[in-house]
Amino acid sequence: MNIPFKPNQKLLFIGDSITDCGRGRPLGQRSGPGLGSGYVSFVDSVLGAAVLETPVRVLNTGISGNRVTDLAARWQTDVLDLEPNWLSVMIGINDVWRQFDSEPGAVQVEPEQYESIYRSLLAKTRPQLDGLVLMTPYFLETNREDPMRAKMDVYAAITQKLAAEFDAIFVDTQAAFDKYLAHQPTQSLCGDRVHPNGVGHMIIARAFLSAVGVS
């Protein structure tokens, strides 16, 4: 198996509820309070089974409900202070979702602000990393004309743009789900088109592992 990580390196995942998935506090990790029940745990299991002598240390600082503005507020403690060798970020779902379910007048994170904040976080972090992975936000809807799917695609395109700008590995999570949804209904993954079951989290994990070259 091809493993891009060096012995004993730290691989940190940060994001929203999809990353959090019930992970332990204050820091999710395998030898401790746990990585949660989602894709981060699945990635850790694959790496743990493949790398026996010098395992990769997987960490999880995802927090449910987070937007990119929330990441900015905790970036120092939940990313920089942990000194990861590799960093994986998936953010944007709530930035979009809150535009569709918030009360009128609520502060929103528009695409321009999303891109600006995201870029500033990556700019001060990328020089310290051996590797960076950026994962798109997604919406489990195959109709690209659906308003929330259309808006989510805008934020995903920004993520792809930043991945190229910061020499990051790009994970098209939306494309991975679209491939599955071409054969199976959304209801087979979840009820709200955002929070997937175990199958959905395995789709995310496989997309991540494939993108980083673990095969």
C-alpha atoms as a PDB file:
ATOM      1  CA  MET A   1       0.000   0.000   0.000  1.00  0.00           C
ATOM      2  CA  ASN A   2       1.249   3.450  -0.938  1.00  0.00           C
ATOM      3  CA  ILE A   3       1.396   5.715   2.143  1.00  0.00           C
ATOM      4  CA  PRO A   4       2.273   9.402   1.589  1.00  0.00           C
ATOM      5  CA  PHE A   5       2.844  10.090   5.292  1.00  0.00           C
ATOM      6  CA  LYS A   6       6.155   9.677   7.062  1.00  0.00           C
ATOM      7  CA  PRO A   7       6.542   7.660  10.286  1.00  0.00           C
ATOM      8  CA  ASN A   8       4.788   9.136  13.325  1.00  0.00           C
ATOM      9  CA  GLN A   9       3.532  12.189  11.502  1.00  0.00           C
ATOM     10  CA  LYS A  10       0.414  14.005  12.716  1.00  0.00           C
ATOM     11  CA  LEU A  11      -2.530  14.145  10.313  1.00  0.00           C
ATOM     12  CA  LEU A  12      -5.095  16.665  11.575  1.00  0.00           C
ATOM     13  CA  PHE A  13      -8.682  16.915  10.329  1.00  0.00           C
ATOM     14  CA  ILE A  14     -10.694  20.080  10.963  1.00  0.00           C
ATOM     15  CA  GLY A  15     -14.187  21.025   9.851  1.00  0.00           C
ATOM     16  CA  ASP A  16     -17.836  20.982  10.867  1.00  0.00           C
ATOM     17  CA  SER A  17     -20.246  18.239  12.016  1.00  0.00           C
ATOM     18  CA  ILE A  18     -19.241  15.913   9.186  1.00  0.00           C
ATOM     19  CA  THR A  19     -15.709  15.902  10.579  1.00  0.00           C
ATOM     20  CA  ASP A  20     -16.736  16.110  14.245  1.00  0.00           C
ATOM     21  CA  CYS A  21     -19.146  13.166  14.187  1.00  0.00           C
ATOM     22  CA  GLY A  22     -19.082  12.816  17.976  1.00  0.00           C
ATOM     23  CA  ARG A  23     -15.304  12.958  18.352  1.00  0.00           C
ATOM     24  CA  GLY A  24     -13.785  13.169  21.826  1.00  0.00           C
ATOM     25  CA  ARG A  25     -12.944  16.406  23.605  1.00  0.00           C
ATOM     26  CA  PRO A  26     -10.742  18.318  23.884  1.00  0.00           C
ATOM     27  CA  LEU A  27      -8.896  16.522  21.088  1.00  0.00           C
ATOM     28  CA  GLY A  28     -10.142  13.556  19.129  1.00  0.00           C
ATOM     29  CA  GLN A  29      -7.579  10.802  18.707  1.00  0.00           C
ATOM     30  CA  ARG A  30      -7.529   7.024  18.564  1.00  0.00           C
ATOM     31  CA  SER A  31      -5.618   6.512  21.814  1.00  0.00           C
ATOM     32  CA  GLY A  32      -7.897   8.633  23.967  1.00  0.00           C
ATOM     33  CA  PRO A  33     -11.399  10.079  23.713  1.00  0.00           C
ATOM     34  CA  GLY A  34     -11.933   8.885  20.151  1.00  0.00           C
ATOM     35  CA  LEU A  35     -12.071  10.181  16.591  1.00  0.00           C
ATOM     36  CA  GLY A  36     -15.856  10.044  16.215  1.00  0.00           C
ATOM     37  CA  SER A  37     -17.959   7.702  14.115  1.00  0.00           C
ATOM     38  CA  GLY A  38     -17.375   9.255  10.691  1.00  0.00           C
ATOM     39  CA  TYR A  39     -14.894   9.425   7.842  1.00  0.00           C
ATOM     40  CA  VAL A  40     -11.975  10.503  10.051  1.00  0.00           C
ATOM     41  CA  SER A  41     -12.250   7.271  12.022  1.00  0.00           C
ATOM     42  CA  PHE A  42     -12.499   5.257   8.801  1.00  0.00           C
ATOM     43  CA  VAL A  43      -9.346   6.884   7.410  1.00  0.00           C
ATOM     44  CA  ASP A  44      -7.553   6.213  10.688  1.00  0.00           C
ATOM     45  CA  SER A  45      -8.600   2.543  10.617  1.00  0.00           C
ATOM     46  CA  VAL A  46      -7.243   2.051   7.108  1.00  0.00           C
ATOM     47  CA  LEU A  47      -3.962   3.760   7.948  1.00  0.00           C
ATOM     48  CA  GLY A  48      -3.702   1.914  11.252  1.00  0.00           C
ATOM     49  CA  ALA A  49      -4.137  -1.453   9.561  1.00  0.00           C
ATOM     50  CA  ALA A  50      -1.649  -0.608   6.808  1.00  0.00           C
ATOM     51  CA  VAL A  51       1.137   1.025   8.822  1.00  0.00           C
ATOM     52  CA  LEU A  52       2.146  -1.282  11.656  1.00  0.00           C
ATOM     53  CA  GLU A  53       5.589  -0.193  12.841  1.00  0.00           C
ATOM     54  CA  THR A  54       5.307   3.604  12.597  1.00  0.00           C
ATOM     55  CA  PRO A  55       1.634   4.571  12.641  1.00  0.00           C
ATOM     56  CA  VAL A  56       0.333   7.941  11.560  1.00  0.00           C
ATOM     57  CA  ARG A  57      -1.195   9.890  14.448  1.00  0.00           C
ATOM     58  CA  VAL A  58      -4.640  11.030  13.305  1.00  0.00           C
ATOM     59  CA  LEU A  59      -6.243  13.968  15.159  1.00  0.00           C
ATOM     60  CA  ASN A  60      -9.750  15.436  14.896  1.00  0.00           C
ATOM     61  CA  THR A  61     -10.760  18.985  15.862  1.00  0.00           C
ATOM     62  CA  GLY A  62     -14.012  19.195  13.904  1.00  0.00           C
ATOM     63  CA  ILE A  63     -16.889  21.049  15.614  1.00  0.00           C
ATOM     64  CA  SER A  64     -20.519  20.676  14.629  1.00  0.00           C
ATOM     65  CA  GLY A  65     -22.126  23.787  13.165  1.00  0.00           C
ATOM     66  CA  ASN A  66     -18.856  25.496  12.267  1.00  0.00           C
ATOM     67  CA  ARG A  67     -18.471  27.900   9.389  1.00  0.00           C
ATOM     68  CA  VAL A  68     -15.184  29.259   8.074  1.00  0.00           C
ATOM     69  CA  THR A  69     -15.535  32.207  10.470  1.00  0.00           C
ATOM     70  CA  ASP A  70     -15.601  29.745  13.385  1.00  0.00           C
ATOM     71  CA  LEU A  71     -12.451  28.049  12.097  1.00  0.00           C
ATOM     72  CA  ALA A  72     -10.724  31.412  12.016  1.00  0.00           C
ATOM     73  CA  ALA A  73     -11.640  32.058  15.663  1.00  0.00           C
ATOM     74  CA  ARG A  74     -10.072  28.797  16.855  1.00  0.00           C
ATOM     75  CA  TRP A  75      -7.364  28.242  14.253  1.00  0.00           C
ATOM     76  CA  GLN A  76      -4.472  29.030  16.614  1.00  0.00           C
ATOM     77  CA  THR A  77      -5.462  26.501  19.303  1.00  0.00           C
ATOM     78  CA  ASP A  78      -7.040  23.844  17.082  1.00  0.00           C
ATOM     79  CA  VAL A  79      -4.516  23.844  14.237  1.00  0.00           C
ATOM     80  CA  LEU A  80      -1.321  25.845  14.713  1.00  0.00           C
ATOM     81  CA  ASP A  81      -0.681  24.930  18.359  1.00  0.00           C
ATOM     82  CA  LEU A  82      -1.049  21.221  17.507  1.00  0.00           C
ATOM     83  CA  GLU A  83       1.751  21.478  14.912  1.00  0.00           C
ATOM     84  CA  PRO A  84       0.393  18.950  12.411  1.00  0.00           C
ATOM     85  CA  ASN A  85       2.554  17.635   9.595  1.00  0.00           C
ATOM     86  CA  TRP A  86      -0.507  17.183   7.400  1.00  0.00           C
ATOM     87  CA  LEU A  87      -3.749  19.137   7.567  1.00  0.00           C
ATOM     88  CA  SER A  88      -7.107  18.241   6.015  1.00  0.00           C
ATOM     89  CA  VAL A  89      -9.885  20.847   5.898  1.00  0.00           C
ATOM     90  CA  MET A  90     -13.527  20.404   4.931  1.00  0.00           C
ATOM     91  CA  ILE A  91     -15.635  23.510   5.541  1.00  0.00           C
ATOM     92  CA  GLY A  92     -18.438  25.357   3.794  1.00  0.00           C
ATOM     93  CA  ILE A  93     -21.582  23.295   4.312  1.00  0.00           C
ATOM     94  CA  ASN A  94     -22.868  25.498   7.125  1.00  0.00           C
ATOM     95  CA  ASP A  95     -21.694  28.650   5.360  1.00  0.00           C
ATOM     96  CA  VAL A  96     -24.206  27.748   2.645  1.00  0.00           C
ATOM     97  CA  TRP A  97     -26.870  26.040   4.760  1.00  0.00           C
ATOM     98  CA  ARG A  98     -27.271  29.033   7.066  1.00  0.00           C
ATOM     99  CA  GLN A  99     -28.203  31.109   4.026  1.00  0.00           C
ATOM    100  CA  PHE A 100     -31.261  28.907   3.549  1.00  0.00           C
ATOM    101  CA  ASP A 101     -32.446  28.254   7.105  1.00  0.00           C
ATOM    102  CA  SER A 102     -31.464  31.367   9.082  1.00  0.00           C
ATOM    103  CA  GLU A 103     -33.738  34.129  10.264  1.00  0.00           C
ATOM    104  CA  PRO A 104     -33.951  37.195   7.990  1.00  0.00           C
ATOM    105  CA  GLY A 105     -31.101  39.583   8.662  1.00  0.00           C
ATOM    106  CA  ALA A 106     -28.784  36.946  10.113  1.00  0.00           C
ATOM    107  CA  VAL A 107     -25.103  37.480   9.308  1.00  0.00           C
ATOM    108  CA  GLN A 108     -24.093  35.301   6.370  1.00  0.00           C
ATOM    109  CA  VAL A 109     -20.744  34.170   5.018  1.00  0.00           C
ATOM    110  CA  GLU A 110     -20.936  35.094   1.346  1.00  0.00           C
ATOM    111  CA  PRO A 111     -18.546  33.537  -1.191  1.00  0.00           C
ATOM    112  CA  GLU A 112     -16.147  36.494  -1.195  1.00  0.00           C
ATOM    113  CA  GLN A 113     -15.761  36.407   2.592  1.00  0.00           C
ATOM    114  CA  TYR A 114     -15.488  32.621   2.590  1.00  0.00           C
ATOM    115  CA  GLU A 115     -12.640  32.783   0.086  1.00  0.00           C
ATOM    116  CA  SER A 116     -10.862  35.640   1.848  1.00  0.00           C
ATOM    117  CA  ILE A 117     -10.922  34.042   5.312  1.00  0.00           C
ATOM    118  CA  TYR A 118     -10.053  30.597   3.993  1.00  0.00           C
ATOM    119  CA  ARG A 119      -7.106  32.012   2.038  1.00  0.00           C
ATOM    120  CA  SER A 120      -5.762  33.895   5.054  1.00  0.00           C
ATOM    121  CA  LEU A 121      -5.860  30.736   7.201  1.00  0.00           C
ATOM    122  CA  LEU A 122      -4.060  28.692   4.577  1.00  0.00           C
ATOM    123  CA  ALA A 123      -1.467  31.399   3.912  1.00  0.00           C
ATOM    124  CA  LYS A 124      -0.211  31.374   7.487  1.00  0.00           C
ATOM    125  CA  THR A 125      -0.337  27.599   7.798  1.00  0.00           C
ATOM    126  CA  ARG A 126       0.874  26.097   4.512  1.00  0.00           C
ATOM    127  CA  PRO A 127       4.609  26.874   5.030  1.00  0.00           C
ATOM    128  CA  GLN A 128       4.581  24.781   8.223  1.00  0.00           C
ATOM    129  CA  LEU A 129       3.011  21.710   6.615  1.00  0.00           C
ATOM    130  CA  ASP A 130       4.421  18.757   4.727  1.00  0.00           C
ATOM    131  CA  GLY A 131       1.032  18.254   3.113  1.00  0.00           C
ATOM    132  CA  LEU A 132      -2.350  19.965   2.822  1.00  0.00           C
ATOM    133  CA  VAL A 133      -5.675  18.430   1.780  1.00  0.00           C
ATOM    134  CA  LEU A 134      -8.719  20.530   0.916  1.00  0.00           C
ATOM    135  CA  MET A 135     -12.071  18.758   0.672  1.00  0.00           C
ATOM    136  CA  THR A 136     -15.107  20.329  -0.945  1.00  0.00           C
ATOM    137  CA  PRO A 137     -18.316  20.989   0.904  1.00  0.00           C
ATOM    138  CA  TYR A 138     -21.214  19.054  -0.625  1.00  0.00           C
ATOM    139  CA  PHE A 139     -24.996  18.742  -0.821  1.00  0.00           C
ATOM    140  CA  LEU A 140     -26.614  15.382  -1.492  1.00  0.00           C
ATOM    141  CA  GLU A 141     -28.790  16.593  -4.347  1.00  0.00           C
ATOM    142  CA  THR A 142     -28.304  15.546  -7.959  1.00  0.00           C
ATOM    143  CA  ASN A 143     -30.308  18.438  -9.420  1.00  0.00           C
ATOM    144  CA  ARG A 144     -27.633  21.049 -10.040  1.00  0.00           C
ATOM    145  CA  GLU A 145     -30.343  23.697 -10.460  1.00  0.00           C
ATOM    146  CA  ASP A 146     -31.496  23.198  -6.882  1.00  0.00           C
ATOM    147  CA  PRO A 147     -30.688  26.529  -5.151  1.00  0.00           C
ATOM    148  CA  MET A 148     -28.675  25.041  -2.321  1.00  0.00           C
ATOM    149  CA  ARG A 149     -26.813  22.637  -4.596  1.00  0.00           C
ATOM    150  CA  ALA A 150     -26.009  25.498  -6.965  1.00  0.00           C
ATOM    151  CA  LYS A 151     -24.710  27.662  -4.126  1.00  0.00           C
ATOM    152  CA  MET A 152     -22.711  24.768  -2.648  1.00  0.00           C
ATOM    153  CA  ASP A 153     -21.028  24.263  -6.023  1.00  0.00           C
ATOM    154  CA  VAL A 154     -19.820  27.880  -5.859  1.00  0.00           C
ATOM    155  CA  TYR A 155     -18.109  27.236  -2.517  1.00  0.00           C
ATOM    156  CA  ALA A 156     -16.700  23.960  -3.829  1.00  0.00           C
ATOM    157  CA  ALA A 157     -15.188  25.817  -6.792  1.00  0.00           C
ATOM    158  CA  ILE A 158     -13.531  28.249  -4.384  1.00  0.00           C
ATOM    159  CA  THR A 159     -12.086  25.282  -2.489  1.00  0.00           C
ATOM    160  CA  GLN A 160     -10.658  23.885  -5.726  1.00  0.00           C
ATOM    161  CA  LYS A 161      -9.175  27.281  -6.577  1.00  0.00           C
ATOM    162  CA  LEU A 162      -7.489  27.512  -3.171  1.00  0.00           C
ATOM    163  CA  ALA A 163      -6.179  23.961  -3.477  1.00  0.00           C
ATOM    164  CA  ALA A 164      -4.359  24.934  -6.665  1.00  0.00           C
ATOM    165  CA  GLU A 165      -3.112  28.168  -5.109  1.00  0.00           C
ATOM    166  CA  PHE A 166      -1.659  26.465  -2.020  1.00  0.00           C
ATOM    167  CA  ASP A 167      -0.324  23.284  -3.612  1.00  0.00           C
ATOM    168  CA  ALA A 168      -2.902  21.183  -1.790  1.00  0.00           C
ATOM    169  CA  ILE A 169      -4.344  17.793  -2.612  1.00  0.00           C
ATOM    170  CA  PHE A 170      -7.888  18.399  -3.790  1.00  0.00           C
ATOM    171  CA  VAL A 171     -10.698  16.037  -2.768  1.00  0.00           C
ATOM    172  CA  ASP A 172     -13.895  16.478  -4.779  1.00  0.00           C
ATOM    173  CA  THR A 173     -16.278  15.115  -2.177  1.00  0.00           C
ATOM    174  CA  GLN A 174     -19.290  16.282  -4.162  1.00  0.00           C
ATOM    175  CA  ALA A 175     -18.164  14.322  -7.221  1.00  0.00           C
ATOM    176  CA  ALA A 176     -17.738  11.189  -5.105  1.00  0.00           C
ATOM    177  CA  PHE A 177     -21.316  11.516  -3.874  1.00  0.00           C
ATOM    178  CA  ASP A 178     -22.627  12.336  -7.349  1.00  0.00           C
ATOM    179  CA  LYS A 179     -21.149   9.085  -8.633  1.00  0.00           C
ATOM    180  CA  TYR A 180     -22.995   7.123  -5.949  1.00  0.00           C
ATOM    181  CA  LEU A 181     -26.233   9.076  -6.394  1.00  0.00           C
ATOM    182  CA  ALA A 182     -26.288   8.238 -10.091  1.00  0.00           C
ATOM    183  CA  HIS A 183     -27.270   4.726  -8.960  1.00  0.00           C
ATOM    184  CA  GLN A 184     -28.863   5.096  -5.523  1.00  0.00           C
ATOM    185  CA  PRO A 185     -31.324   7.619  -3.991  1.00  0.00           C
ATOM    186  CA  THR A 186     -30.292  10.260  -1.499  1.00  0.00           C
ATOM    187  CA  GLN A 187     -32.491   8.570   1.117  1.00  0.00           C
ATOM    188  CA  SER A 188     -30.058   5.638   1.131  1.00  0.00           C
ATOM    189  CA  LEU A 189     -27.467   7.993   2.648  1.00  0.00           C
ATOM    190  CA  CYS A 190     -29.416  10.416   4.835  1.00  0.00           C
ATOM    191  CA  GLY A 191     -32.658  12.306   5.338  1.00  0.00           C
ATOM    192  CA  ASP A 192     -31.465  15.922   5.330  1.00  0.00           C
ATOM    193  CA  ARG A 193     -29.119  15.779   2.323  1.00  0.00           C
ATOM    194  CA  VAL A 194     -26.163  16.774   4.514  1.00  0.00           C
ATOM    195  CA  HIS A 195     -25.436  14.339   7.366  1.00  0.00           C
ATOM    196  CA  PRO A 196     -24.642  10.932   5.854  1.00  0.00           C
ATOM    197  CA  ASN A 197     -24.823   7.496   7.406  1.00  0.00           C
ATOM    198  CA  GLY A 198     -21.912   5.061   7.541  1.00  0.00           C
ATOM    199  CA  VAL A 199     -22.048   4.423   3.802  1.00  0.00           C
ATOM    200  CA  GLY A 200     -21.801   8.138   3.140  1.00  0.00           C
ATOM    201  CA  HIS A 201     -18.872   8.541   5.482  1.00  0.00           C
ATOM    202  CA  MET A 202     -17.148   5.621   3.780  1.00  0.00           C
ATOM    203  CA  ILE A 203     -17.601   7.416   0.445  1.00  0.00           C
ATOM    204  CA  ILE A 204     -15.867  10.461   1.937  1.00  0.00           C
ATOM    205  CA  ALA A 205     -13.087   8.336   3.432  1.00  0.00           C
ATOM    206  CA  ARG A 206     -12.464   6.535   0.144  1.00  0.00           C
ATOM    207  CA  ALA A 207     -12.341   9.833  -1.729  1.00  0.00           C
ATOM    208  CA  PHE A 208      -9.776  11.161   0.741  1.00  0.00           C
ATOM    209  CA  LEU A 209      -7.616   8.033   0.652  1.00  0.00           C
ATOM    210  CA  SER A 210      -7.708   7.868  -3.130  1.00  0.00           C
ATOM    211  CA  ALA A 211      -6.721  11.524  -3.458  1.00  0.00           C
ATOM    212  CA  VAL A 212      -3.703  11.186  -1.142  1.00  0.00           C
ATOM    213  CA  GLY A 213      -2.571   8.099  -2.998  1.00  0.00           C
ATOM    214  CA  VAL A 214      -3.418   5.368  -0.524  1.00  0.00           C
ATOM    215  CA  SER A 215      -4.407   2.405  -2.647  1.00  0.00           C
END
